[in-house]
């Protein structure tokens, strides 16, 4: 069995009993913080839905840990990205070093764009 990336190890516990993830997407403000292209908007939508987080006010520097994205949520996001864009995103060093939402989107975009060029 593959070892969970270090970036994800901090998220394994997920939210505490007193914390609840907020639902919703906050797409308008958030999309403009990351860029306004369709691919970015689609990625943000998947992250919000599968990670069960409200991305309203979230920027590229927002850490995944601060969004309480547990490793299971991360795997759901990854699977949804792979399914939606018909792309394989390996759990490699690039992905394991991701600490923030902007980095996550950048890694996903890189794999999607490479796949589309092939």
Protein backbone atom coordinates (compact mmCIF):
# COMPACT_ATOMS: atom_id res chain seq x y z
CA UNK A 1 0.00 0.00 0.00
CA UNK A 2 1.33 3.46 -0.91
CA UNK A 3 2.22 5.86 1.86
CA UNK A 4 0.05 8.97 2.16
CA UNK A 5 1.92 12.10 1.08
CA UNK A 6 3.23 14.30 3.89
CA UNK A 7 1.01 17.17 2.78
CA UNK A 8 -1.99 14.97 3.43
CA UNK A 9 -0.83 13.52 6.74
CA UNK A 10 -1.80 16.72 8.53
CA UNK A 11 -5.33 16.40 7.19
CA UNK A 12 -6.06 12.80 8.18
CA UNK A 13 -8.03 13.69 11.27
CA UNK A 14 -10.41 16.06 9.49
CA UNK A 15 -12.60 18.47 11.44
CA UNK A 16 -12.98 18.07 15.18
CA UNK A 17 -16.34 17.39 16.78
CA UNK A 18 -16.86 21.11 17.35
CA UNK A 19 -16.02 22.03 13.76
CA UNK A 20 -18.29 21.62 10.78
CA UNK A 21 -17.46 22.08 7.16
CA UNK A 22 -19.53 24.74 5.54
CA UNK A 23 -21.40 23.85 2.40
CA UNK A 24 -21.64 26.06 -0.64
CA UNK A 25 -19.25 27.13 -3.28
CA UNK A 26 -18.62 30.88 -3.21
CA UNK A 27 -17.67 30.60 -6.87
CA UNK A 28 -17.87 34.23 -7.98
CA UNK A 29 -15.33 35.77 -5.60
CA UNK A 30 -13.17 32.69 -5.47
CA UNK A 31 -12.92 32.12 -9.21
CA UNK A 32 -11.70 35.67 -9.76
CA UNK A 33 -9.03 35.22 -7.06
CA UNK A 34 -7.61 32.26 -9.01
CA UNK A 35 -8.20 33.49 -12.54
CA UNK A 36 -11.23 33.57 -14.73
CA UNK A 37 -10.66 30.73 -17.19
CA UNK A 38 -13.20 27.91 -17.47
CA UNK A 39 -10.77 25.18 -16.41
CA UNK A 40 -9.99 27.02 -13.16
CA UNK A 41 -13.70 27.53 -12.45
CA UNK A 42 -14.38 23.84 -13.10
CA UNK A 43 -11.53 22.77 -10.80
CA UNK A 44 -12.73 25.08 -8.02
CA UNK A 45 -16.24 23.67 -8.37
CA UNK A 46 -14.99 20.08 -8.01
CA UNK A 47 -12.79 20.97 -5.02
CA UNK A 48 -15.71 22.69 -3.29
CA UNK A 49 -18.18 19.89 -3.99
CA UNK A 50 -15.97 16.89 -3.27
CA UNK A 51 -14.10 18.54 -0.40
CA UNK A 52 -17.41 19.72 1.06
CA UNK A 53 -16.07 23.19 1.71
CA UNK A 54 -17.32 26.70 1.19
CA UNK A 55 -14.66 28.36 -0.94
CA UNK A 56 -16.11 31.84 -0.50
CA UNK A 57 -13.21 34.15 0.27
CA UNK A 58 -10.63 31.41 -0.30
CA UNK A 59 -7.55 32.46 -2.23
CA UNK A 60 -4.60 30.65 -3.82
CA UNK A 61 -2.59 30.89 -0.57
CA UNK A 62 -5.31 29.29 1.57
CA UNK A 63 -3.89 26.09 3.03
CA UNK A 64 -5.67 22.78 2.56
CA UNK A 65 -5.28 22.18 6.28
CA UNK A 66 -7.19 25.37 7.12
CA UNK A 67 -10.11 24.10 5.01
CA UNK A 68 -10.22 20.89 7.09
CA UNK A 69 -9.85 18.74 3.99
CA UNK A 70 -9.19 15.26 5.34
CA UNK A 71 -7.24 12.71 3.31
CA UNK A 72 -10.46 10.93 2.34
CA UNK A 73 -11.83 14.25 1.02
CA UNK A 74 -8.60 14.77 -0.89
CA UNK A 75 -8.94 11.33 -2.49
CA UNK A 76 -12.54 12.14 -3.46
CA UNK A 77 -11.36 15.39 -5.06
CA UNK A 78 -8.61 13.54 -6.93
CA UNK A 79 -10.99 10.83 -8.18
CA UNK A 80 -13.55 13.42 -9.31
CA UNK A 81 -10.90 15.41 -11.20
CA UNK A 82 -9.67 12.25 -12.92
CA UNK A 83 -13.21 11.27 -13.89
CA UNK A 84 -14.40 14.70 -15.02
CA UNK A 85 -11.33 15.48 -17.12
CA UNK A 86 -10.43 11.91 -18.15
CA UNK A 87 -6.90 12.36 -16.83
CA UNK A 88 -4.63 10.40 -14.50
CA UNK A 89 -3.09 12.47 -11.72
CA UNK A 90 -0.42 10.43 -9.93
CA UNK A 91 0.23 10.78 -6.22
CA UNK A 92 3.76 11.94 -6.95
CA UNK A 93 6.13 14.45 -5.39
CA UNK A 94 4.41 17.40 -7.09
CA UNK A 95 1.07 16.51 -5.53
CA UNK A 96 2.49 15.50 -2.15
CA UNK A 97 4.20 18.88 -1.75
CA UNK A 98 1.00 20.85 -2.32
CA UNK A 99 0.10 22.88 0.76
CA UNK A 100 -2.44 25.38 -0.61
CA UNK A 101 -5.39 25.61 -2.95
CA UNK A 102 -3.43 27.49 -5.63
CA UNK A 103 -0.80 24.76 -5.70
CA UNK A 104 -3.45 22.06 -5.95
CA UNK A 105 -5.12 23.80 -8.87
CA UNK A 106 -1.75 24.31 -10.59
CA UNK A 107 -0.90 20.59 -10.35
CA UNK A 108 -4.33 19.57 -11.65
CA UNK A 109 -4.15 22.08 -14.50
CA UNK A 110 -0.69 20.85 -15.51
CA UNK A 111 -1.88 17.23 -15.80
CA UNK A 112 -5.11 18.18 -17.59
CA UNK A 113 -3.32 20.39 -20.12
CA UNK A 114 -0.68 17.70 -20.81
CA UNK A 115 -3.46 15.16 -21.31
CA UNK A 116 -5.29 17.41 -23.75
CA UNK A 117 -2.13 17.94 -25.81
CA UNK A 118 -1.49 14.21 -26.13
